[in-house]
């Protein structure tokens, strides 16, 4: 239940923060190029989760990212981490974009390593030409811990820096 309340809270906060007249065009996310960033958040057990990422903005609506996520201690008492490759689809409205992500992760936790599906959704705000802020939810499906599958949800806030 905590994760559903957390998802609702982050999305409501993001909507309230960005509920301003949209600019005629996006400040940064509409140009192709490389970017790097990071995020900080919490997992299902409200443990600290930290991510570093790099990506390429293909066009205004698509990007690809490679990321490393330290998921913290997850349900079952194991510390976990994941390496992920995801595609992002954006719906831009001025400096604000809604996005979805879908890809694969390689997870590592106590007594288990596996590859499975990861997906999520978020809001990105182009603060300046080369800086964007993000609020997102992401799920790691079927992370192996001691022979059993655990789904891990992460709520996070982050920043993206474009090399343009």
Protein backbone atom coordinates (compact mmCIF):
# COMPACT_ATOMS: atom_id res chain seq x y z
CA UNK A 1 0.00 0.00 0.00
CA UNK A 2 2.83 2.40 0.75
CA UNK A 3 4.09 2.23 -2.85
CA UNK A 4 0.66 3.10 -4.32
CA UNK A 5 0.38 6.09 -1.98
CA UNK A 6 3.93 7.07 -2.88
CA UNK A 7 3.23 6.84 -6.62
CA UNK A 8 0.14 9.00 -6.23
CA UNK A 9 2.03 11.53 -4.10
CA UNK A 10 4.92 11.91 -6.55
CA UNK A 11 2.62 12.25 -9.55
CA UNK A 12 0.38 14.76 -7.72
CA UNK A 13 3.42 16.77 -6.62
CA UNK A 14 4.84 16.75 -10.14
CA UNK A 15 1.51 17.83 -11.64
CA UNK A 16 1.14 20.65 -9.10
CA UNK A 17 4.72 21.84 -9.61
CA UNK A 18 4.39 21.90 -13.38
CA UNK A 19 0.83 23.23 -13.62
CA UNK A 20 1.89 26.41 -15.39
CA UNK A 21 1.26 27.60 -18.93
CA UNK A 22 3.38 25.47 -21.25
CA UNK A 23 6.03 27.23 -23.29
CA UNK A 24 5.66 27.19 -27.07
CA UNK A 25 8.39 24.58 -27.36
CA UNK A 26 10.57 22.42 -25.17
CA UNK A 27 13.84 23.94 -23.94
CA UNK A 28 16.03 20.87 -24.12
CA UNK A 29 14.43 17.50 -24.68
CA UNK A 30 13.65 18.05 -28.36
CA UNK A 31 17.27 17.96 -29.59
CA UNK A 32 19.17 14.73 -30.26
CA UNK A 33 22.24 14.12 -28.13
CA UNK A 34 23.88 12.37 -25.20
CA UNK A 35 23.00 12.99 -21.56
CA UNK A 36 23.93 11.75 -18.09
CA UNK A 37 22.11 11.90 -14.81
CA UNK A 38 21.16 10.34 -11.56
CA UNK A 39 18.32 9.86 -9.13
CA UNK A 40 17.65 9.23 -5.46
CA UNK A 41 14.55 7.56 -4.10
CA UNK A 42 13.13 4.76 -2.01
CA UNK A 43 12.11 1.17 -2.64
CA UNK A 44 9.13 -0.81 -1.28
CA UNK A 45 10.69 -1.01 2.19
CA UNK A 46 11.47 2.72 2.15
CA UNK A 47 15.18 1.97 1.85
CA UNK A 48 17.45 4.37 -0.06
CA UNK A 49 17.79 3.62 -3.79
CA UNK A 50 20.36 5.47 -5.94
CA UNK A 51 20.81 5.40 -9.74
CA UNK A 52 23.44 6.66 -12.21
CA UNK A 53 22.51 6.72 -15.89
CA UNK A 54 23.59 7.73 -19.35
CA UNK A 55 21.47 8.00 -22.42
CA UNK A 56 20.90 9.26 -25.92
CA UNK A 57 17.90 11.39 -26.93
CA UNK A 58 17.06 10.03 -30.40
CA UNK A 59 14.39 12.63 -31.13
CA UNK A 60 11.70 14.54 -29.25
CA UNK A 61 9.74 11.41 -28.37
CA UNK A 62 12.31 8.61 -27.96
CA UNK A 63 15.48 7.99 -25.93
CA UNK A 64 17.59 5.01 -24.85
CA UNK A 65 19.28 4.71 -21.43
CA UNK A 66 21.81 2.51 -19.70
CA UNK A 67 21.74 2.72 -15.92
CA UNK A 68 23.12 1.25 -12.72
CA UNK A 69 20.66 1.15 -9.79
CA UNK A 70 21.62 0.38 -6.21
CA UNK A 71 18.23 -0.74 -4.96
CA UNK A 72 19.14 -0.94 -1.26
CA UNK A 73 17.76 -3.61 1.04
CA UNK A 74 14.66 -5.10 -0.54
CA UNK A 75 11.84 -7.34 0.72
CA UNK A 76 13.48 -10.54 1.92
CA UNK A 77 16.33 -8.71 3.63
CA UNK A 78 18.83 -8.74 0.75
CA UNK A 79 20.76 -5.82 -0.70
CA UNK A 80 20.20 -5.64 -4.45
CA UNK A 81 21.46 -3.83 -7.50
CA UNK A 82 20.55 -3.79 -11.17
CA UNK A 83 22.12 -2.87 -14.49
CA UNK A 84 19.42 -1.81 -16.95
CA UNK A 85 18.91 -0.97 -20.61
CA UNK A 86 15.62 0.81 -21.28
CA UNK A 87 13.82 2.69 -24.03
CA UNK A 88 11.81 5.79 -23.14
CA UNK A 89 8.80 7.20 -24.96
CA UNK A 90 7.93 10.85 -24.27
CA UNK A 91 4.74 12.86 -24.71
CA UNK A 92 6.06 16.46 -24.66
CA UNK A 93 3.87 19.42 -23.73
CA UNK A 94 6.12 22.48 -23.66
CA UNK A 95 8.82 22.10 -21.00
CA UNK A 96 6.94 19.16 -19.40
CA UNK A 97 6.98 15.61 -20.76
CA UNK A 98 5.20 12.51 -19.55
CA UNK A 99 7.16 9.36 -20.28
CA UNK A 100 7.03 5.61 -20.07
CA UNK A 101 10.02 3.27 -19.99
CA UNK A 102 10.45 -0.37 -20.89
CA UNK A 103 13.52 -2.57 -20.96
CA UNK A 104 15.60 -5.30 -19.39
CA UNK A 105 17.64 -5.46 -16.20
CA UNK A 106 20.37 -7.74 -14.92
CA UNK A 107 19.75 -8.04 -11.18
CA UNK A 108 22.06 -9.17 -8.42
CA UNK A 109 20.90 -9.97 -4.88
CA UNK A 110 21.86 -12.49 -2.19
CA UNK A 111 21.97 -15.97 -3.72
CA UNK A 112 20.50 -14.84 -7.01
CA UNK A 113 21.32 -13.20 -10.32
CA UNK A 114 18.86 -12.90 -13.17
CA UNK A 115 17.71 -10.94 -16.19
CA UNK A 116 14.10 -9.79 -16.41
CA UNK A 117 11.73 -6.97 -17.37
CA UNK A 118 11.73 -3.44 -15.96
CA UNK A 119 9.20 -0.70 -16.72
CA UNK A 120 8.05 2.60 -15.31
CA UNK A 121 6.51 6.02 -15.83
CA UNK A 122 7.38 9.56 -14.92
CA UNK A 123 7.33 13.29 -15.50
CA UNK A 124 10.27 15.27 -16.85
CA UNK A 125 10.56 19.07 -16.63
CA UNK A 126 13.08 20.94 -18.81
CA UNK A 127 14.41 23.43 -16.30
CA UNK A 128 16.98 24.93 -18.69
CA UNK A 129 18.51 24.17 -22.09
CA UNK A 130 20.74 21.39 -20.72
CA UNK A 131 19.08 20.48 -17.39
CA UNK A 132 15.90 18.51 -16.72
CA UNK A 133 14.31 17.27 -13.51
CA UNK A 134 12.49 13.93 -13.25
CA UNK A 135 10.04 12.27 -10.90
CA UNK A 136 9.37 8.59 -11.62
CA UNK A 137 8.19 5.18 -10.56
CA UNK A 138 9.97 2.05 -11.82
CA UNK A 139 9.37 -1.66 -11.25
CA UNK A 140 11.90 -4.47 -11.46
CA UNK A 141 9.92 -7.66 -12.12
CA UNK A 142 11.07 -10.97 -10.69
CA UNK A 143 14.36 -10.10 -8.98
CA UNK A 144 15.78 -13.42 -7.71
CA UNK A 145 16.46 -13.67 -3.98
CA UNK A 146 17.36 -17.07 -2.59
CA UNK A 147 15.42 -18.96 -5.25
CA UNK A 148 12.25 -16.84 -5.18
CA UNK A 149 11.08 -13.91 -7.33
CA UNK A 150 10.51 -10.49 -5.74
CA UNK A 151 9.07 -7.46 -7.53
CA UNK A 152 10.75 -4.21 -6.46
CA UNK A 153 9.16 -0.77 -6.95
CA UNK A 154 11.27 2.41 -6.73
CA UNK A 155 10.01 6.00 -6.45
CA UNK A 156 12.68 8.58 -7.26
CA UNK A 157 13.56 12.18 -8.07
CA UNK A 158 16.48 12.92 -10.38
CA UNK A 159 18.25 15.25 -12.76
CA UNK A 160 19.46 14.95 -16.35
CA UNK A 161 22.36 16.95 -17.84
CA UNK A 162 22.57 17.16 -21.66
CA UNK A 163 25.90 17.40 -23.54
CA UNK A 164 24.72 19.80 -26.27
